Amino acid sequence: AVFEILSNSIDEAREGHGSLITVTRFLDKSVQVED
């Protein structure tokens, strides 16, 4: 499930839209992906 969300950001970056993807792993086991 984490990889599914990450995949969408990767598709954007590979098409030339942004060159940084940030993934945050929180103590409460929540996840954040930002592109």
PDB file of all heavy atoms in Angstrom:
ATOM      1  N   ALA A   1       0.832  -1.202   0.000  1.00  0.00           N
ATOM      2  CA  ALA A   1       0.000   0.000   0.000  1.00  0.00           C
ATOM      3  C   ALA A   1       0.871   1.258   0.000  1.00  0.00           C
ATOM      4  O   ALA A   1       0.570   2.245  -0.684  1.00  0.00           O
ATOM      5  CB  ALA A   1      -0.930   0.001   1.211  1.00  0.00           C
ATOM      6  N   VAL A   2       1.965   1.224   0.758  1.00  0.00           N
ATOM      7  CA  VAL A   2       2.913   2.342   0.756  1.00  0.00           C
ATOM      8  C   VAL A   2       3.468   2.545  -0.656  1.00  0.00           C
ATOM      9  O   VAL A   2       3.533   3.672  -1.167  1.00  0.00           O
ATOM     10  CB  VAL A   2       4.070   2.092   1.751  1.00  0.00           C
ATOM     11  CG1 VAL A   2       5.128   3.185   1.623  1.00  0.00           C
ATOM     12  CG2 VAL A   2       3.547   2.011   3.174  1.00  0.00           C
ATOM     13  N   PHE A   3       3.819   1.452  -1.293  1.00  0.00           N
ATOM     14  CA  PHE A   3       4.408   1.539  -2.627  1.00  0.00           C
ATOM     15  C   PHE A   3       3.401   2.064  -3.649  1.00  0.00           C
ATOM     16  O   PHE A   3       3.775   2.757  -4.601  1.00  0.00           O
ATOM     17  CB  PHE A   3       4.938   0.166  -3.059  1.00  0.00           C
ATOM     18  CG  PHE A   3       5.736   0.208  -4.333  1.00  0.00           C
ATOM     19  CD1 PHE A   3       6.949   0.856  -4.372  1.00  0.00           C
ATOM     20  CD2 PHE A   3       5.258  -0.393  -5.485  1.00  0.00           C
ATOM     21  CE1 PHE A   3       7.688   0.909  -5.554  1.00  0.00           C
ATOM     22  CE2 PHE A   3       5.980  -0.345  -6.667  1.00  0.00           C
ATOM     23  CZ  PHE A   3       7.195   0.311  -6.692  1.00  0.00           C
ATOM     24  N   GLU A   4       2.129   1.753  -3.461  1.00  0.00           N
ATOM     25  CA  GLU A   4       1.103   2.236  -4.381  1.00  0.00           C
ATOM     26  C   GLU A   4       1.058   3.765  -4.390  1.00  0.00           C
ATOM     27  O   GLU A   4       0.971   4.389  -5.457  1.00  0.00           O
ATOM     28  CB  GLU A   4      -0.275   1.681  -3.991  1.00  0.00           C
ATOM     29  CG  GLU A   4      -0.468   0.208  -4.293  1.00  0.00           C
ATOM     30  CD  GLU A   4      -0.623  -0.084  -5.769  1.00  0.00           C
ATOM     31  OE1 GLU A   4      -0.713   0.871  -6.573  1.00  0.00           O
ATOM     32  OE2 GLU A   4      -0.649  -1.269  -6.138  1.00  0.00           O
ATOM     33  N   ILE A   5       1.110   4.384  -3.219  1.00  0.00           N
ATOM     34  CA  ILE A   5       1.081   5.844  -3.142  1.00  0.00           C
ATOM     35  C   ILE A   5       2.387   6.426  -3.676  1.00  0.00           C
ATOM     36  O   ILE A   5       2.392   7.411  -4.432  1.00  0.00           O
ATOM     37  CB  ILE A   5       0.828   6.320  -1.700  1.00  0.00           C
ATOM     38  CG1 ILE A   5      -0.512   5.775  -1.192  1.00  0.00           C
ATOM     39  CG2 ILE A   5       0.864   7.841  -1.626  1.00  0.00           C
ATOM     40  CD1 ILE A   5      -1.726   6.221  -1.992  1.00  0.00           C
ATOM     41  N   LEU A   6       3.500   5.806  -3.315  1.00  0.00           N
ATOM     42  CA  LEU A   6       4.797   6.251  -3.809  1.00  0.00           C
ATOM     43  C   LEU A   6       4.857   6.193  -5.336  1.00  0.00           C
ATOM     44  O   LEU A   6       5.450   7.067  -5.981  1.00  0.00           O
ATOM     45  CB  LEU A   6       5.903   5.384  -3.189  1.00  0.00           C
ATOM     46  CG  LEU A   6       7.355   5.708  -3.558  1.00  0.00           C
ATOM     47  CD1 LEU A   6       7.721   7.126  -3.145  1.00  0.00           C
ATOM     48  CD2 LEU A   6       8.303   4.698  -2.903  1.00  0.00           C
ATOM     49  N   SER A   7       4.217   5.184  -5.914  1.00  0.00           N
ATOM     50  CA  SER A   7       4.247   4.997  -7.369  1.00  0.00           C
ATOM     51  C   SER A   7       3.704   6.212  -8.113  1.00  0.00           C
ATOM     52  O   SER A   7       4.233   6.602  -9.164  1.00  0.00           O
ATOM     53  CB  SER A   7       3.421   3.765  -7.764  1.00  0.00           C
ATOM     54  OG  SER A   7       3.982   2.587  -7.248  1.00  0.00           O
ATOM     55  N   ASN A   8       2.643   6.807  -7.598  1.00  0.00           N
ATOM     56  CA  ASN A   8       2.050   7.954  -8.274  1.00  0.00           C
ATOM     57  C   ASN A   8       3.004   9.145  -8.302  1.00  0.00           C
ATOM     58  O   ASN A   8       3.083   9.880  -9.291  1.00  0.00           O
ATOM     59  CB  ASN A   8       0.733   8.337  -7.605  1.00  0.00           C
ATOM     60  CG  ASN A   8      -0.337   7.273  -7.800  1.00  0.00           C
ATOM     61  OD1 ASN A   8      -0.422   6.650  -8.844  1.00  0.00           O
ATOM     62  ND2 ASN A   8      -1.152   7.062  -6.785  1.00  0.00           N
ATOM     63  N   SER A   9       3.733   9.333  -7.211  1.00  0.00           N
ATOM     64  CA  SER A   9       4.725  10.413  -7.170  1.00  0.00           C
ATOM     65  C   SER A   9       5.880  10.123  -8.118  1.00  0.00           C
ATOM     66  O   SER A   9       6.415  11.030  -8.768  1.00  0.00           O
ATOM     67  CB  SER A   9       5.244  10.588  -5.740  1.00  0.00           C
ATOM     68  OG  SER A   9       4.215  11.037  -4.877  1.00  0.00           O
ATOM     69  N   ILE A  10       6.266   8.857  -8.209  1.00  0.00           N
ATOM     70  CA  ILE A  10       7.344   8.464  -9.109  1.00  0.00           C
ATOM     71  C   ILE A  10       6.955   8.736 -10.558  1.00  0.00           C
ATOM     72  O   ILE A  10       7.760   9.246 -11.355  1.00  0.00           O
ATOM     73  CB  ILE A  10       7.691   6.972  -8.912  1.00  0.00           C
ATOM     74  CG1 ILE A  10       8.345   6.757  -7.548  1.00  0.00           C
ATOM     75  CG2 ILE A  10       8.594   6.461 -10.029  1.00  0.00           C
ATOM     76  CD1 ILE A  10       8.427   5.311  -7.121  1.00  0.00           C
ATOM     77  N   ASP A  11       5.721   8.406 -10.914  1.00  0.00           N
ATOM     78  CA  ASP A  11       5.261   8.652 -12.285  1.00  0.00           C
ATOM     79  C   ASP A  11       5.349  10.135 -12.634  1.00  0.00           C
ATOM     80  O   ASP A  11       5.729  10.505 -13.750  1.00  0.00           O
ATOM     81  CB  ASP A  11       3.827   8.154 -12.452  1.00  0.00           C
ATOM     82  CG  ASP A  11       3.733   6.639 -12.522  1.00  0.00           C
ATOM     83  OD1 ASP A  11       4.761   5.998 -12.805  1.00  0.00           O
ATOM     84  OD2 ASP A  11       2.635   6.097 -12.282  1.00  0.00           O
ATOM     85  N   GLU A  12       4.997  10.997 -11.698  1.00  0.00           N
ATOM     86  CA  GLU A  12       5.084  12.439 -11.939  1.00  0.00           C
ATOM     87  C   GLU A  12       6.537  12.861 -12.149  1.00  0.00           C
ATOM     88  O   GLU A  12       6.854  13.597 -13.080  1.00  0.00           O
ATOM     89  CB  GLU A  12       4.489  13.207 -10.757  1.00  0.00           C
ATOM     90  CG  GLU A  12       2.987  13.333 -10.774  1.00  0.00           C
ATOM     91  CD  GLU A  12       2.517  14.259 -11.878  1.00  0.00           C
ATOM     92  OE1 GLU A  12       2.616  15.496 -11.734  1.00  0.00           O
ATOM     93  OE2 GLU A  12       2.049  13.743 -12.917  1.00  0.00           O
ATOM     94  N   ALA A  13       7.427  12.401 -11.262  1.00  0.00           N
ATOM     95  CA  ALA A  13       8.836  12.796 -11.353  1.00  0.00           C
ATOM     96  C   ALA A  13       9.468  12.302 -12.645  1.00  0.00           C
ATOM     97  O   ALA A  13      10.250  13.013 -13.278  1.00  0.00           O
ATOM     98  CB  ALA A  13       9.600  12.261 -10.139  1.00  0.00           C
ATOM     99  N   ARG A  14       9.127  11.079 -13.044  1.00  0.00           N
ATOM    100  CA  ARG A  14       9.723  10.534 -14.265  1.00  0.00           C
ATOM    101  C   ARG A  14       9.256  11.287 -15.510  1.00  0.00           C
ATOM    102  O   ARG A  14       9.953  11.346 -16.512  1.00  0.00           O
ATOM    103  CB  ARG A  14       9.417   9.041 -14.399  1.00  0.00           C
ATOM    104  CG  ARG A  14      10.245   8.396 -15.507  1.00  0.00           C
ATOM    105  CD  ARG A  14      10.180   6.891 -15.520  1.00  0.00           C
ATOM    106  NE  ARG A  14       8.841   6.399 -15.537  1.00  0.00           N
ATOM    107  CZ  ARG A  14       8.250   5.792 -14.508  1.00  0.00           C
ATOM    108  NH1 ARG A  14       8.908   5.632 -13.383  1.00  0.00           N
ATOM    109  NH2 ARG A  14       7.015   5.358 -14.595  1.00  0.00           N
ATOM    110  N   GLU A  15       8.076  11.859 -15.446  1.00  0.00           N
ATOM    111  CA  GLU A  15       7.587  12.651 -16.575  1.00  0.00           C
ATOM    112  C   GLU A  15       8.155  14.072 -16.546  1.00  0.00           C
ATOM    113  O   GLU A  15       7.784  14.904 -17.367  1.00  0.00           O
ATOM    114  CB  GLU A  15       6.056  12.708 -16.546  1.00  0.00           C
ATOM    115  CG  GLU A  15       5.387  11.385 -16.848  1.00  0.00           C
ATOM    116  CD  GLU A  15       5.590  10.928 -18.276  1.00  0.00           C
ATOM    117  OE1 GLU A  15       5.612  11.784 -19.176  1.00  0.00           O
ATOM    118  OE2 GLU A  15       5.730   9.709 -18.487  1.00  0.00           O
ATOM    119  N   GLY A  16       9.051  14.335 -15.601  1.00  0.00           N
ATOM    120  CA  GLY A  16       9.715  15.629 -15.554  1.00  0.00           C
ATOM    121  C   GLY A  16       9.072  16.657 -14.648  1.00  0.00           C
ATOM    122  O   GLY A  16       9.425  17.846 -14.696  1.00  0.00           O
ATOM    123  N   HIS A  17       8.155  16.225 -13.790  1.00  0.00           N
ATOM    124  CA  HIS A  17       7.453  17.151 -12.899  1.00  0.00           C
ATOM    125  C   HIS A  17       7.936  16.955 -11.464  1.00  0.00           C
ATOM    126  O   HIS A  17       7.388  16.153 -10.714  1.00  0.00           O
ATOM    127  CB  HIS A  17       5.943  16.938 -13.003  1.00  0.00           C
ATOM    128  CG  HIS A  17       5.436  17.015 -14.411  1.00  0.00           C
ATOM    129  ND1 HIS A  17       5.399  18.189 -15.126  1.00  0.00           N
ATOM    130  CD2 HIS A  17       4.976  16.043 -15.237  1.00  0.00           C
ATOM    131  CE1 HIS A  17       4.922  17.946 -16.339  1.00  0.00           C
ATOM    132  NE2 HIS A  17       4.655  16.653 -16.427  1.00  0.00           N
ATOM    133  N   GLY A  18       8.990  17.676 -11.112  1.00  0.00           N
ATOM    134  CA  GLY A  18       9.560  17.569  -9.771  1.00  0.00           C
ATOM    135  C   GLY A  18      10.670  16.544  -9.720  1.00  0.00           C
ATOM    136  O   GLY A  18      10.602  15.495 -10.364  1.00  0.00           O
ATOM    137  N   SER A  19      11.699  16.839  -8.946  1.00  0.00           N
ATOM    138  CA  SER A  19      12.840  15.919  -8.843  1.00  0.00           C
ATOM    139  C   SER A  19      13.102  15.496  -7.404  1.00  0.00           C
ATOM    140  O   SER A  19      14.156  14.950  -7.096  1.00  0.00           O
ATOM    141  CB  SER A  19      14.101  16.572  -9.425  1.00  0.00           C
ATOM    142  OG  SER A  19      14.392  17.779  -8.725  1.00  0.00           O
ATOM    143  N   LEU A  20      12.143  15.771  -6.509  1.00  0.00           N
ATOM    144  CA  LEU A  20      12.285  15.377  -5.107  1.00  0.00           C
ATOM    145  C   LEU A  20      10.998  14.736  -4.617  1.00  0.00           C
ATOM    146  O   LEU A  20       9.910  15.290  -4.795  1.00  0.00           O
ATOM    147  CB  LEU A  20      12.602  16.602  -4.229  1.00  0.00           C
ATOM    148  CG  LEU A  20      12.572  16.382  -2.714  1.00  0.00           C
ATOM    149  CD1 LEU A  20      13.689  15.434  -2.285  1.00  0.00           C
ATOM    150  CD2 LEU A  20      12.690  17.717  -1.975  1.00  0.00           C
ATOM    151  N   ILE A  21      11.124  13.551  -4.024  1.00  0.00           N
ATOM    152  CA  ILE A  21       9.996  12.859  -3.391  1.00  0.00           C
ATOM    153  C   ILE A  21      10.385  12.597  -1.942  1.00  0.00           C
ATOM    154  O   ILE A  21      11.444  12.020  -1.670  1.00  0.00           O
ATOM    155  CB  ILE A  21       9.674  11.543  -4.107  1.00  0.00           C
ATOM    156  CG1 ILE A  21       9.219  11.819  -5.547  1.00  0.00           C
ATOM    157  CG2 ILE A  21       8.594  10.758  -3.353  1.00  0.00           C
ATOM    158  CD1 ILE A  21       9.064  10.583  -6.394  1.00  0.00           C
ATOM    159  N   THR A  22       9.538  13.033  -1.024  1.00  0.00           N
ATOM    160  CA  THR A  22       9.828  12.893   0.402  1.00  0.00           C
ATOM    161  C   THR A  22       8.845  11.926   1.052  1.00  0.00           C
ATOM    162  O   THR A  22       7.627  12.097   0.926  1.00  0.00           O
ATOM    163  CB  THR A  22       9.744  14.259   1.112  1.00  0.00           C
ATOM    164  OG1 THR A  22      10.640  15.177   0.482  1.00  0.00           O
ATOM    165  CG2 THR A  22      10.123  14.125   2.586  1.00  0.00           C
ATOM    166  N   VAL A  23       9.385  10.924   1.720  1.00  0.00           N
ATOM    167  CA  VAL A  23       8.568   9.947   2.436  1.00  0.00           C
ATOM    168  C   VAL A  23       8.872  10.067   3.927  1.00  0.00           C
ATOM    169  O   VAL A  23      10.042  10.055   4.320  1.00  0.00           O
ATOM    170  CB  VAL A  23       8.846   8.507   1.954  1.00  0.00           C
ATOM    171  CG1 VAL A  23       8.015   7.504   2.753  1.00  0.00           C
ATOM    172  CG2 VAL A  23       8.551   8.377   0.466  1.00  0.00           C
ATOM    173  N   THR A  24       7.833  10.195   4.734  1.00  0.00           N
ATOM    174  CA  THR A  24       8.010  10.333   6.183  1.00  0.00           C
ATOM    175  C   THR A  24       7.384   9.146   6.897  1.00  0.00           C
ATOM    176  O   THR A  24       6.230   8.800   6.654  1.00  0.00           O
ATOM    177  CB  THR A  24       7.375  11.637   6.696  1.00  0.00           C
ATOM    178  OG1 THR A  24       7.879  12.738   5.938  1.00  0.00           O
ATOM    179  CG2 THR A  24       7.704  11.840   8.168  1.00  0.00           C
ATOM    180  N   ARG A  25       8.175   8.546   7.760  1.00  0.00           N
ATOM    181  CA  ARG A  25       7.731   7.410   8.584  1.00  0.00           C
ATOM    182  C   ARG A  25       7.551   7.918  10.007  1.00  0.00           C
ATOM    183  O   ARG A  25       8.527   8.288  10.675  1.00  0.00           O
ATOM    184  CB  ARG A  25       8.768   6.299   8.520  1.00  0.00           C
ATOM    185  CG  ARG A  25       8.508   5.086   9.410  1.00  0.00           C
ATOM    186  CD  ARG A  25       9.652   4.089   9.228  1.00  0.00           C
ATOM    187  NE  ARG A  25       9.453   2.854   9.977  1.00  0.00           N
ATOM    188  CZ  ARG A  25       9.998   2.590  11.155  1.00  0.00           C
ATOM    189  NH1 ARG A  25      10.777   3.506  11.749  1.00  0.00           N
ATOM    190  NH2 ARG A  25       9.776   1.430  11.765  1.00  0.00           N
ATOM    191  N   PHE A  26       6.316   7.959  10.488  1.00  0.00           N
ATOM    192  CA  PHE A  26       6.021   8.523  11.801  1.00  0.00           C
ATOM    193  C   PHE A  26       6.013   7.449  12.889  1.00  0.00           C
ATOM    194  O   PHE A  26       5.821   6.259  12.611  1.00  0.00           O
ATOM    195  CB  PHE A  26       4.664   9.230  11.778  1.00  0.00           C
ATOM    196  CG  PHE A  26       4.649  10.489  10.938  1.00  0.00           C
ATOM    197  CD1 PHE A  26       4.204  10.459   9.624  1.00  0.00           C
ATOM    198  CD2 PHE A  26       5.083  11.699  11.466  1.00  0.00           C
ATOM    199  CE1 PHE A  26       4.180  11.610   8.851  1.00  0.00           C
ATOM    200  CE2 PHE A  26       5.068  12.854  10.701  1.00  0.00           C
ATOM    201  CZ  PHE A  26       4.619  12.810   9.392  1.00  0.00           C
ATOM    202  N   LEU A  27       6.188   7.905  14.123  1.00  0.00           N
ATOM    203  CA  LEU A  27       6.205   6.987  15.262  1.00  0.00           C
ATOM    204  C   LEU A  27       4.882   6.248  15.435  1.00  0.00           C
ATOM    205  O   LEU A  27       4.857   5.106  15.903  1.00  0.00           O
ATOM    206  CB  LEU A  27       6.526   7.766  16.556  1.00  0.00           C
ATOM    207  CG  LEU A  27       7.991   8.149  16.789  1.00  0.00           C
ATOM    208  CD1 LEU A  27       8.094   9.068  17.998  1.00  0.00           C
ATOM    209  CD2 LEU A  27       8.856   6.912  16.985  1.00  0.00           C
ATOM    210  N   ASP A  28       3.772   6.896  15.072  1.00  0.00           N
ATOM    211  CA  ASP A  28       2.462   6.253  15.245  1.00  0.00           C
ATOM    212  C   ASP A  28       2.138   5.276  14.113  1.00  0.00           C
ATOM    213  O   ASP A  28       1.010   4.801  14.009  1.00  0.00           O
ATOM    214  CB  ASP A  28       1.354   7.303  15.376  1.00  0.00           C
ATOM    215  CG  ASP A  28       1.158   8.116  14.095  1.00  0.00           C
ATOM    216  OD1 ASP A  28       1.924   7.922  13.133  1.00  0.00           O
ATOM    217  OD2 ASP A  28       0.226   8.952  14.059  1.00  0.00           O
ATOM    218  N   LYS A  29       3.149   4.990  13.256  1.00  0.00           N
ATOM    219  CA  LYS A  29       3.054   4.054  12.126  1.00  0.00           C
ATOM    220  C   LYS A  29       2.294   4.633  10.928  1.00  0.00           C
ATOM    221  O   LYS A  29       2.002   3.921   9.968  1.00  0.00           O
ATOM    222  CB  LYS A  29       2.448   2.708  12.543  1.00  0.00           C
ATOM    223  CG  LYS A  29       3.238   1.999  13.644  1.00  0.00           C
ATOM    224  CD  LYS A  29       2.630   0.662  14.002  1.00  0.00           C
ATOM    225  CE  LYS A  29       3.443  -0.050  15.071  1.00  0.00           C
ATOM    226  NZ  LYS A  29       3.545   0.688  16.328  1.00  0.00           N
ATOM    227  N   SER A  30       1.969   5.918  10.984  1.00  0.00           N
ATOM    228  CA  SER A  30       1.390   6.561   9.806  1.00  0.00           C
ATOM    229  C   SER A  30       2.508   6.893   8.825  1.00  0.00           C
ATOM    230  O   SER A  30       3.694   6.884   9.174  1.00  0.00           O
ATOM    231  CB  SER A  30       0.611   7.815  10.193  1.00  0.00           C
ATOM    232  OG  SER A  30       1.467   8.814  10.718  1.00  0.00           O
ATOM    233  N   VAL A  31       2.122   7.182   7.581  1.00  0.00           N
ATOM    234  CA  VAL A  31       3.070   7.396   6.488  1.00  0.00           C
ATOM    235  C   VAL A  31       2.661   8.650   5.728  1.00  0.00           C
ATOM    236  O   VAL A  31       1.468   8.949   5.590  1.00  0.00           O
ATOM    237  CB  VAL A  31       3.067   6.202   5.500  1.00  0.00           C
ATOM    238  CG1 VAL A  31       4.209   6.327   4.500  1.00  0.00           C
ATOM    239  CG2 VAL A  31       3.126   4.870   6.237  1.00  0.00           C
ATOM    240  N   GLN A  32       3.653   9.366   5.231  1.00  0.00           N
ATOM    241  CA  GLN A  32       3.362  10.529   4.392  1.00  0.00           C
ATOM    242  C   GLN A  32       4.262  10.518   3.170  1.00  0.00           C
ATOM    243  O   GLN A  32       5.463  10.287   3.277  1.00  0.00           O
ATOM    244  CB  GLN A  32       3.569  11.829   5.175  1.00  0.00           C
ATOM    245  CG  GLN A  32       3.256  13.089   4.384  1.00  0.00           C
ATOM    246  CD  GLN A  32       3.301  14.323   5.257  1.00  0.00           C
ATOM    247  OE1 GLN A  32       2.405  14.553   6.059  1.00  0.00           O
ATOM    248  NE2 GLN A  32       4.360  15.113   5.110  1.00  0.00           N
ATOM    249  N   VAL A  33       3.676  10.750   2.004  1.00  0.00           N
ATOM    250  CA  VAL A  33       4.416  10.854   0.749  1.00  0.00           C
ATOM    251  C   VAL A  33       4.095  12.205   0.140  1.00  0.00           C
ATOM    252  O   VAL A  33       2.923  12.555  -0.039  1.00  0.00           O
ATOM    253  CB  VAL A  33       4.042   9.723  -0.228  1.00  0.00           C
ATOM    254  CG1 VAL A  33       4.770   9.909  -1.559  1.00  0.00           C
ATOM    255  CG2 VAL A  33       4.369   8.355   0.372  1.00  0.00           C
ATOM    256  N   GLU A  34       5.129  12.975  -0.174  1.00  0.00           N
ATOM    257  CA  GLU A  34       4.938  14.299  -0.765  1.00  0.00           C
ATOM    258  C   GLU A  34       5.826  14.451  -1.992  1.00  0.00           C
ATOM    259  O   GLU A  34       7.009  14.082  -1.963  1.00  0.00           O
ATOM    260  CB  GLU A  34       5.256  15.389   0.251  1.00  0.00           C
ATOM    261  CG  GLU A  34       5.043  16.800  -0.295  1.00  0.00           C
ATOM    262  CD  GLU A  34       5.177  17.886   0.766  1.00  0.00           C
ATOM    263  OE1 GLU A  34       5.175  17.538   1.963  1.00  0.00           O
ATOM    264  OE2 GLU A  34       5.285  19.072   0.378  1.00  0.00           O
ATOM    265  N   ASP A  35       5.250  14.973  -3.071  1.00  0.00           N
ATOM    266  CA  ASP A  35       6.030  15.199  -4.281  1.00  0.00           C
ATOM    267  C   ASP A  35       5.901  16.653  -4.724  1.00  0.00           C
ATOM    268  O   ASP A  35       5.153  17.442  -4.147  1.00  0.00           O
ATOM    269  CB  ASP A  35       5.601  14.237  -5.400  1.00  0.00           C
ATOM    270  CG  ASP A  35       4.162  14.416  -5.834  1.00  0.00           C
ATOM    271  OD1 ASP A  35       3.744  15.569  -6.073  1.00  0.00           O
ATOM    272  OD2 ASP A  35       3.432  13.406  -5.939  1.00  0.00           O
TER     273      ASP A  35
END
